[in-house]
Amino acid sequence: MSMTREGPLGRHRTIHGRVVEWIGRRIVSGELPDGSRLPNEAELAAQLNVSRGGVREAVKALAAKGLVEPRPRLGTRVLPREQWNLMDREVINWHGQLAKADFLKDLLELRLMVEPGAAQLAAERATAEQLATLEDAYARMEQHAPNLPEDEEAFVDADLAFHLILLKASGNQLIEQLGRLLETSLYHGLEASSHAPGGVAATLPLHQAVLVAAKGRRPVAAGRAMKRLIDTTAEAVRQMVG
């Protein structure tokens, strides 16, 4: 069996997907800044130990996301941030994985605009099954909170489930889809906020307040509790990142 030299991309996903991610993360992180040019097709193929066709398809995918502009004979240029499709699922995920302070700030601002309203709608529209799922997510958060940071993964999984089911329980298909779009980035944002000193102790009772208001069919109280929850999270993250 012939052996090939292992490249820097790792082993998961398709070759095409790994090349897209390898380049995309470096653009989002600023390692490849606005206006810079990617190595040519042959150089990238050799560097990543993939075919030139794989590089070519990856560049097309990145161009579709607005991150780069390939031009004949001039090479592939990294485009300014304002031209990126920031609502593209992979672009959002790369931001979340990098957990940059400006991304966390923007995510919290978006959540503040969307989630209090979603909580209000959920208090009006949630099914009994959705409320039971919300209660289960909160119970798991409560169970794992005293064991942080050892139980961080389980706690953040439960926290994510709480917010996603609340968005779904709003009964608004666009709000629900926004939750699915932001899922990975929301996970990374919740993970970062769980590290903030005193953040979990301050926000856990507010999760309970949202749950109680939703179960009690009190939309205004649910919206207010969610706003306090996100405001409190934002303050904890600000103190953490400076």
C-alpha atoms as a PDB file:
ATOM      1  CA  MET A   1       0.000   0.000   0.000  1.00  0.00           C
ATOM      2  CA  SER A   2       1.446   3.357  -0.990  1.00  0.00           C
ATOM      3  CA  MET A   3       1.875   6.006   1.692  1.00  0.00           C
ATOM      4  CA  THR A   4       1.490   9.732   1.083  1.00  0.00           C
ATOM      5  CA  ARG A   5       2.929  12.582   3.056  1.00  0.00           C
ATOM      6  CA  GLU A   6       0.411  13.865   5.614  1.00  0.00           C
ATOM      7  CA  GLY A   7      -0.527  17.522   5.116  1.00  0.00           C
ATOM      8  CA  PRO A   8      -1.491  20.110   7.745  1.00  0.00           C
ATOM      9  CA  LEU A   9      -5.247  19.766   7.358  1.00  0.00           C
ATOM     10  CA  GLY A  10      -6.142  17.023   9.843  1.00  0.00           C
ATOM     11  CA  ARG A  11      -8.199  13.931   9.113  1.00  0.00           C
ATOM     12  CA  HIS A  12     -11.857  14.871   9.479  1.00  0.00           C
ATOM     13  CA  ARG A  13     -14.409  15.838   6.818  1.00  0.00           C
ATOM     14  CA  THR A  14     -13.835  15.847   3.064  1.00  0.00           C
ATOM     15  CA  ILE A  15     -10.612  17.154   1.553  1.00  0.00           C
ATOM     16  CA  HIS A  16     -12.582  20.006  -0.018  1.00  0.00           C
ATOM     17  CA  GLY A  17     -14.143  20.916   3.338  1.00  0.00           C
ATOM     18  CA  ARG A  18     -10.803  20.819   5.126  1.00  0.00           C
ATOM     19  CA  VAL A  19      -9.159  23.130   2.580  1.00  0.00           C
ATOM     20  CA  VAL A  20     -12.090  25.577   2.822  1.00  0.00           C
ATOM     21  CA  GLU A  21     -11.844  25.570   6.614  1.00  0.00           C
ATOM     22  CA  TRP A  22      -8.037  25.859   6.691  1.00  0.00           C
ATOM     23  CA  ILE A  23      -8.074  28.962   4.497  1.00  0.00           C
ATOM     24  CA  GLY A  24     -11.323  30.395   5.874  1.00  0.00           C
ATOM     25  CA  ARG A  25     -10.206  30.303   9.502  1.00  0.00           C
ATOM     26  CA  ARG A  26      -6.991  32.135   8.594  1.00  0.00           C
ATOM     27  CA  ILE A  27      -8.952  34.856   6.840  1.00  0.00           C
ATOM     28  CA  VAL A  28     -11.432  35.276   9.704  1.00  0.00           C
ATOM     29  CA  SER A  29      -8.615  35.324  12.286  1.00  0.00           C
ATOM     30  CA  GLY A  30      -6.770  38.061  10.376  1.00  0.00           C
ATOM     31  CA  GLU A  31      -3.765  35.868   9.651  1.00  0.00           C
ATOM     32  CA  LEU A  32      -4.620  36.487   5.985  1.00  0.00           C
ATOM     33  CA  PRO A  33      -5.636  40.165   6.128  1.00  0.00           C
ATOM     34  CA  ASP A  34      -7.842  42.220   3.820  1.00  0.00           C
ATOM     35  CA  GLY A  35      -6.085  42.793   0.494  1.00  0.00           C
ATOM     36  CA  SER A  36      -3.536  40.028   0.901  1.00  0.00           C
ATOM     37  CA  ARG A  37      -3.170  37.413  -1.807  1.00  0.00           C
ATOM     38  CA  LEU A  38      -3.337  33.688  -1.348  1.00  0.00           C
ATOM     39  CA  PRO A  39      -0.422  31.575  -2.572  1.00  0.00           C
ATOM     40  CA  ASN A  40      -1.066  30.406  -6.105  1.00  0.00           C
ATOM     41  CA  GLU A  41      -2.909  27.160  -6.805  1.00  0.00           C
ATOM     42  CA  ALA A  42       0.226  25.055  -7.221  1.00  0.00           C
ATOM     43  CA  GLU A  43       1.837  26.441  -4.041  1.00  0.00           C
ATOM     44  CA  LEU A  44      -1.274  25.863  -1.936  1.00  0.00           C
ATOM     45  CA  ALA A  45      -1.699  22.349  -3.308  1.00  0.00           C
ATOM     46  CA  ALA A  46       1.896  21.507  -2.388  1.00  0.00           C
ATOM     47  CA  GLN A  47       1.624  23.164   1.036  1.00  0.00           C
ATOM     48  CA  LEU A  48      -1.576  21.337   1.928  1.00  0.00           C
ATOM     49  CA  ASN A  49      -0.702  18.086   0.158  1.00  0.00           C
ATOM     50  CA  VAL A  50      -3.898  18.104  -1.917  1.00  0.00           C
ATOM     51  CA  SER A  51      -4.674  18.279  -5.609  1.00  0.00           C
ATOM     52  CA  ARG A  52      -4.815  21.549  -7.498  1.00  0.00           C
ATOM     53  CA  GLY A  53      -8.432  20.718  -8.299  1.00  0.00           C
ATOM     54  CA  GLY A  54      -9.197  20.536  -4.576  1.00  0.00           C
ATOM     55  CA  VAL A  55      -7.665  23.973  -4.031  1.00  0.00           C
ATOM     56  CA  ARG A  56      -9.567  25.367  -7.021  1.00  0.00           C
ATOM     57  CA  GLU A  57     -12.921  24.131  -5.678  1.00  0.00           C
ATOM     58  CA  ALA A  58     -12.144  25.435  -2.192  1.00  0.00           C
ATOM     59  CA  VAL A  59     -11.370  28.906  -3.568  1.00  0.00           C
ATOM     60  CA  LYS A  60     -14.691  28.876  -5.433  1.00  0.00           C
ATOM     61  CA  ALA A  61     -16.485  28.030  -2.176  1.00  0.00           C
ATOM     62  CA  LEU A  62     -14.701  30.836  -0.314  1.00  0.00           C
ATOM     63  CA  ALA A  63     -15.543  33.258  -3.129  1.00  0.00           C
ATOM     64  CA  ALA A  64     -19.219  32.312  -2.768  1.00  0.00           C
ATOM     65  CA  LYS A  65     -18.965  33.284   0.913  1.00  0.00           C
ATOM     66  CA  GLY A  66     -17.531  36.663  -0.061  1.00  0.00           C
ATOM     67  CA  LEU A  67     -14.143  36.046   1.578  1.00  0.00           C
ATOM     68  CA  VAL A  68     -11.965  36.060  -1.535  1.00  0.00           C
ATOM     69  CA  GLU A  69     -11.968  37.211  -5.126  1.00  0.00           C
ATOM     70  CA  PRO A  70     -10.092  35.068  -7.663  1.00  0.00           C
ATOM     71  CA  ARG A  71      -8.976  37.010 -10.731  1.00  0.00           C
ATOM     72  CA  PRO A  72      -7.298  35.527 -13.808  1.00  0.00           C
ATOM     73  CA  ARG A  73      -3.541  36.193 -13.906  1.00  0.00           C
ATOM     74  CA  LEU A  74      -3.800  38.395 -10.797  1.00  0.00           C
ATOM     75  CA  GLY A  75      -4.327  35.676  -8.221  1.00  0.00           C
ATOM     76  CA  THR A  76      -6.840  35.372  -5.371  1.00  0.00           C
ATOM     77  CA  ARG A  77      -7.271  38.404  -3.113  1.00  0.00           C
ATOM     78  CA  VAL A  78      -8.777  38.434   0.388  1.00  0.00           C
ATOM     79  CA  LEU A  79     -11.792  40.754   0.414  1.00  0.00           C
ATOM     80  CA  PRO A  80     -12.620  43.310   3.118  1.00  0.00           C
ATOM     81  CA  ARG A  81     -14.836  42.147   5.964  1.00  0.00           C
ATOM     82  CA  GLU A  82     -17.825  44.196   4.831  1.00  0.00           C
ATOM     83  CA  GLN A  83     -18.061  41.985   1.746  1.00  0.00           C
ATOM     84  CA  TRP A  84     -18.148  38.713   3.706  1.00  0.00           C
ATOM     85  CA  ASN A  85     -21.391  36.808   4.065  1.00  0.00           C
ATOM     86  CA  LEU A  86     -21.448  36.970   7.862  1.00  0.00           C
ATOM     87  CA  MET A  87     -24.654  34.937   7.976  1.00  0.00           C
ATOM     88  CA  ASP A  88     -23.023  31.993   6.198  1.00  0.00           C
ATOM     89  CA  ARG A  89     -23.031  29.037   8.603  1.00  0.00           C
ATOM     90  CA  GLU A  90     -19.323  28.243   8.201  1.00  0.00           C
ATOM     91  CA  VAL A  91     -18.242  31.894   8.492  1.00  0.00           C
ATOM     92  CA  ILE A  92     -20.280  32.183  11.700  1.00  0.00           C
ATOM     93  CA  ASN A  93     -18.760  28.979  13.025  1.00  0.00           C
ATOM     94  CA  TRP A  94     -15.188  30.110  12.347  1.00  0.00           C
ATOM     95  CA  HIS A  95     -15.867  33.295  14.290  1.00  0.00           C
ATOM     96  CA  GLY A  96     -17.291  31.260  17.152  1.00  0.00           C
ATOM     97  CA  GLN A  97     -14.374  28.839  17.270  1.00  0.00           C
ATOM     98  CA  LEU A  98     -11.955  31.744  17.466  1.00  0.00           C
ATOM     99  CA  ALA A  99     -14.024  33.316  20.294  1.00  0.00           C
ATOM    100  CA  LYS A 100     -12.840  36.821  19.448  1.00  0.00           C
ATOM    101  CA  ALA A 101     -14.011  39.601  21.775  1.00  0.00           C
ATOM    102  CA  ASP A 102     -15.661  41.584  18.985  1.00  0.00           C
ATOM    103  CA  PHE A 103     -17.533  38.492  17.826  1.00  0.00           C
ATOM    104  CA  LEU A 104     -18.800  37.769  21.357  1.00  0.00           C
ATOM    105  CA  LYS A 105     -19.976  41.388  21.632  1.00  0.00           C
ATOM    106  CA  ASP A 106     -21.818  41.206  18.307  1.00  0.00           C
ATOM    107  CA  LEU A 107     -23.365  37.859  19.221  1.00  0.00           C
ATOM    108  CA  LEU A 108     -24.635  39.219  22.540  1.00  0.00           C
ATOM    109  CA  GLU A 109     -26.100  42.266  20.796  1.00  0.00           C
ATOM    110  CA  LEU A 110     -27.925  40.005  18.336  1.00  0.00           C
ATOM    111  CA  ARG A 111     -29.188  37.812  21.171  1.00  0.00           C
ATOM    112  CA  LEU A 112     -30.431  40.878  23.028  1.00  0.00           C
ATOM    113  CA  MET A 113     -32.472  41.904  19.994  1.00  0.00           C
ATOM    114  CA  VAL A 114     -33.921  38.434  19.365  1.00  0.00           C
ATOM    115  CA  GLU A 115     -34.173  36.337  22.531  1.00  0.00           C
ATOM    116  CA  PRO A 116     -36.335  38.532  24.805  1.00  0.00           C
ATOM    117  CA  GLY A 117     -38.951  38.678  22.063  1.00  0.00           C
ATOM    118  CA  ALA A 118     -38.620  34.942  21.472  1.00  0.00           C
ATOM    119  CA  ALA A 119     -39.097  34.325  25.211  1.00  0.00           C
ATOM    120  CA  GLN A 120     -42.284  36.391  25.145  1.00  0.00           C
ATOM    121  CA  LEU A 121     -43.633  34.389  22.225  1.00  0.00           C
ATOM    122  CA  ALA A 122     -42.604  31.110  23.863  1.00  0.00           C
ATOM    123  CA  ALA A 123     -44.571  32.013  27.000  1.00  0.00           C
ATOM    124  CA  GLU A 124     -47.625  32.375  24.778  1.00  0.00           C
ATOM    125  CA  ARG A 125     -47.087  29.536  22.306  1.00  0.00           C
ATOM    126  CA  ALA A 126     -44.868  26.793  23.757  1.00  0.00           C
ATOM    127  CA  THR A 127     -46.347  23.309  23.773  1.00  0.00           C
ATOM    128  CA  ALA A 128     -46.362  21.184  26.915  1.00  0.00           C
ATOM    129  CA  GLU A 129     -43.606  19.050  25.359  1.00  0.00           C
ATOM    130  CA  GLN A 130     -41.436  22.094  24.643  1.00  0.00           C
ATOM    131  CA  LEU A 131     -41.884  23.379  28.192  1.00  0.00           C
ATOM    132  CA  ALA A 132     -40.872  19.965  29.524  1.00  0.00           C
ATOM    133  CA  THR A 133     -37.737  20.050  27.348  1.00  0.00           C
ATOM    134  CA  LEU A 134     -36.953  23.566  28.599  1.00  0.00           C
ATOM    135  CA  GLU A 135     -37.368  22.413  32.186  1.00  0.00           C
ATOM    136  CA  ASP A 136     -35.111  19.403  31.579  1.00  0.00           C
ATOM    137  CA  ALA A 137     -32.400  21.642  30.094  1.00  0.00           C
ATOM    138  CA  TYR A 138     -32.540  23.922  33.123  1.00  0.00           C
ATOM    139  CA  ALA A 139     -32.398  20.931  35.495  1.00  0.00           C
ATOM    140  CA  ARG A 140     -29.241  19.712  33.774  1.00  0.00           C
ATOM    141  CA  MET A 141     -27.680  23.169  34.048  1.00  0.00           C
ATOM    142  CA  GLU A 142     -28.512  23.237  37.743  1.00  0.00           C
ATOM    143  CA  GLN A 143     -27.041  19.740  38.179  1.00  0.00           C
ATOM    144  CA  HIS A 144     -23.724  20.545  36.494  1.00  0.00           C
ATOM    145  CA  ALA A 145     -23.196  24.145  37.678  1.00  0.00           C
ATOM    146  CA  PRO A 146     -21.667  23.189  41.058  1.00  0.00           C
ATOM    147  CA  ASN A 147     -19.104  20.973  39.303  1.00  0.00           C
ATOM    148  CA  LEU A 148     -17.635  23.562  36.943  1.00  0.00           C
ATOM    149  CA  PRO A 149     -15.155  23.581  35.322  1.00  0.00           C
ATOM    150  CA  GLU A 150     -15.051  19.747  35.346  1.00  0.00           C
ATOM    151  CA  ASP A 151     -18.621  19.513  33.984  1.00  0.00           C
ATOM    152  CA  GLU A 152     -18.197  22.383  31.533  1.00  0.00           C
ATOM    153  CA  GLU A 153     -19.133  20.421  28.404  1.00  0.00           C
ATOM    154  CA  ALA A 154     -22.296  18.987  29.941  1.00  0.00           C
ATOM    155  CA  PHE A 155     -23.256  22.377  31.397  1.00  0.00           C
ATOM    156  CA  VAL A 156     -22.783  24.238  28.102  1.00  0.00           C
ATOM    157  CA  ASP A 157     -24.690  21.510  26.214  1.00  0.00           C
ATOM    158  CA  ALA A 158     -27.628  22.020  28.582  1.00  0.00           C
ATOM    159  CA  ASP A 159     -27.363  25.816  28.332  1.00  0.00           C
ATOM    160  CA  LEU A 160     -27.396  25.599  24.533  1.00  0.00           C
ATOM    161  CA  ALA A 161     -30.413  23.270  24.603  1.00  0.00           C
ATOM    162  CA  PHE A 162     -32.260  25.768  26.846  1.00  0.00           C
ATOM    163  CA  HIS A 163     -31.775  28.641  24.406  1.00  0.00           C
ATOM    164  CA  LEU A 164     -32.456  26.624  21.255  1.00  0.00           C
ATOM    165  CA  ILE A 165     -35.719  25.134  22.549  1.00  0.00           C
ATOM    166  CA  LEU A 166     -36.832  28.592  23.646  1.00  0.00           C
ATOM    167  CA  LEU A 167     -36.216  29.936  20.139  1.00  0.00           C
ATOM    168  CA  LYS A 168     -38.107  26.988  18.668  1.00  0.00           C
ATOM    169  CA  ALA A 169     -40.966  27.430  21.155  1.00  0.00           C
ATOM    170  CA  SER A 170     -41.469  30.976  19.852  1.00  0.00           C
ATOM    171  CA  GLY A 171     -43.456  29.361  17.051  1.00  0.00           C
ATOM    172  CA  ASN A 172     -41.739  31.646  14.533  1.00  0.00           C
ATOM    173  CA  GLN A 173     -39.971  29.660  11.846  1.00  0.00           C
ATOM    174  CA  LEU A 174     -37.498  32.450  11.040  1.00  0.00           C
ATOM    175  CA  ILE A 175     -36.451  32.779  14.693  1.00  0.00           C
ATOM    176  CA  GLU A 176     -36.077  29.008  14.925  1.00  0.00           C
ATOM    177  CA  GLN A 177     -33.944  28.945  11.774  1.00  0.00           C
ATOM    178  CA  LEU A 178     -31.779  31.741  13.161  1.00  0.00           C
ATOM    179  CA  GLY A 179     -31.135  29.529  16.185  1.00  0.00           C
ATOM    180  CA  ARG A 180     -30.033  26.654  13.961  1.00  0.00           C
ATOM    181  CA  LEU A 181     -27.816  28.982  11.958  1.00  0.00           C
ATOM    182  CA  LEU A 182     -26.118  30.316  15.079  1.00  0.00           C
ATOM    183  CA  GLU A 183     -25.987  27.013  16.963  1.00  0.00           C
ATOM    184  CA  THR A 184     -22.232  26.417  16.871  1.00  0.00           C
ATOM    185  CA  SER A 185     -21.384  30.053  17.514  1.00  0.00           C
ATOM    186  CA  LEU A 186     -23.937  30.217  20.310  1.00  0.00           C
ATOM    187  CA  TYR A 187     -22.245  27.169  21.831  1.00  0.00           C
ATOM    188  CA  HIS A 188     -18.854  28.884  21.756  1.00  0.00           C
ATOM    189  CA  GLY A 189     -20.363  32.089  23.154  1.00  0.00           C
ATOM    190  CA  LEU A 190     -21.994  30.208  26.038  1.00  0.00           C
ATOM    191  CA  GLU A 191     -18.746  28.342  26.624  1.00  0.00           C
ATOM    192  CA  ALA A 192     -16.859  31.632  26.886  1.00  0.00           C
ATOM    193  CA  SER A 193     -19.448  33.157  29.219  1.00  0.00           C
ATOM    194  CA  SER A 194     -19.289  30.085  31.480  1.00  0.00           C
ATOM    195  CA  HIS A 195     -15.627  30.995  32.128  1.00  0.00           C
ATOM    196  CA  ALA A 196     -16.487  34.507  33.323  1.00  0.00           C
ATOM    197  CA  PRO A 197     -15.954  34.856  37.085  1.00  0.00           C
ATOM    198  CA  GLY A 198     -19.331  34.740  38.823  1.00  0.00           C
ATOM    199  CA  GLY A 199     -21.151  34.518  35.503  1.00  0.00           C
ATOM    200  CA  VAL A 200     -22.896  31.191  36.081  1.00  0.00           C
ATOM    201  CA  ALA A 201     -23.888  32.063  39.656  1.00  0.00           C
ATOM    202  CA  ALA A 202     -25.488  35.265  38.376  1.00  0.00           C
ATOM    203  CA  THR A 203     -27.222  33.842  35.312  1.00  0.00           C
ATOM    204  CA  LEU A 204     -28.515  30.487  36.558  1.00  0.00           C
ATOM    205  CA  PRO A 205     -31.341  32.076  38.632  1.00  0.00           C
ATOM    206  CA  LEU A 206     -32.266  34.167  35.591  1.00  0.00           C
ATOM    207  CA  HIS A 207     -32.599  31.019  33.482  1.00  0.00           C
ATOM    208  CA  GLN A 208     -34.962  29.758  36.166  1.00  0.00           C
ATOM    209  CA  ALA A 209     -36.913  33.035  36.014  1.00  0.00           C
ATOM    210  CA  VAL A 210     -37.347  32.619  32.251  1.00  0.00           C
ATOM    211  CA  LEU A 211     -38.504  29.035  32.755  1.00  0.00           C
ATOM    212  CA  VAL A 212     -41.005  29.951  35.488  1.00  0.00           C
ATOM    213  CA  ALA A 213     -42.433  32.816  33.417  1.00  0.00           C
ATOM    214  CA  ALA A 214     -42.745  30.639  30.308  1.00  0.00           C
ATOM    215  CA  LYS A 215     -44.487  27.864  32.255  1.00  0.00           C
ATOM    216  CA  GLY A 216     -46.761  30.441  33.897  1.00  0.00           C
ATOM    217  CA  ARG A 217     -47.722  31.878  30.512  1.00  0.00           C
ATOM    218  CA  ARG A 218     -46.428  35.334  31.479  1.00  0.00           C
ATOM    219  CA  PRO A 219     -44.927  36.779  28.292  1.00  0.00           C
ATOM    220  CA  VAL A 220     -43.818  40.160  29.659  1.00  0.00           C
ATOM    221  CA  ALA A 221     -42.065  38.541  32.621  1.00  0.00           C
ATOM    222  CA  ALA A 222     -40.376  36.019  30.333  1.00  0.00           C
ATOM    223  CA  GLY A 223     -39.075  38.762  28.036  1.00  0.00           C
ATOM    224  CA  ARG A 224     -37.806  40.847  30.953  1.00  0.00           C
ATOM    225  CA  ALA A 225     -36.065  37.870  32.546  1.00  0.00           C
ATOM    226  CA  MET A 226     -34.359  37.005  29.275  1.00  0.00           C
ATOM    227  CA  LYS A 227     -33.201  40.600  28.812  1.00  0.00           C
ATOM    228  CA  ARG A 228     -31.725  40.603  32.333  1.00  0.00           C
ATOM    229  CA  LEU A 229     -30.073  37.260  31.600  1.00  0.00           C
ATOM    230  CA  ILE A 230     -28.333  38.508  28.454  1.00  0.00           C
ATOM    231  CA  ASP A 231     -27.412  41.856  30.044  1.00  0.00           C
ATOM    232  CA  THR A 232     -25.843  39.983  32.967  1.00  0.00           C
ATOM    233  CA  THR A 233     -23.986  37.650  30.617  1.00  0.00           C
ATOM    234  CA  ALA A 234     -22.710  40.603  28.584  1.00  0.00           C
ATOM    235  CA  GLU A 235     -21.378  42.317  31.717  1.00  0.00           C
ATOM    236  CA  ALA A 236     -19.607  39.125  32.850  1.00  0.00           C
ATOM    237  CA  VAL A 237     -18.021  38.694  29.406  1.00  0.00           C
ATOM    238  CA  ARG A 238     -16.935  42.366  29.322  1.00  0.00           C
ATOM    239  CA  GLN A 239     -15.150  41.953  32.627  1.00  0.00           C
ATOM    240  CA  MET A 240     -13.495  38.763  31.401  1.00  0.00           C
ATOM    241  CA  VAL A 241     -12.197  40.067  28.041  1.00  0.00           C
ATOM    242  CA  GLY A 242     -11.481  43.594  29.253  1.00  0.00           C
END
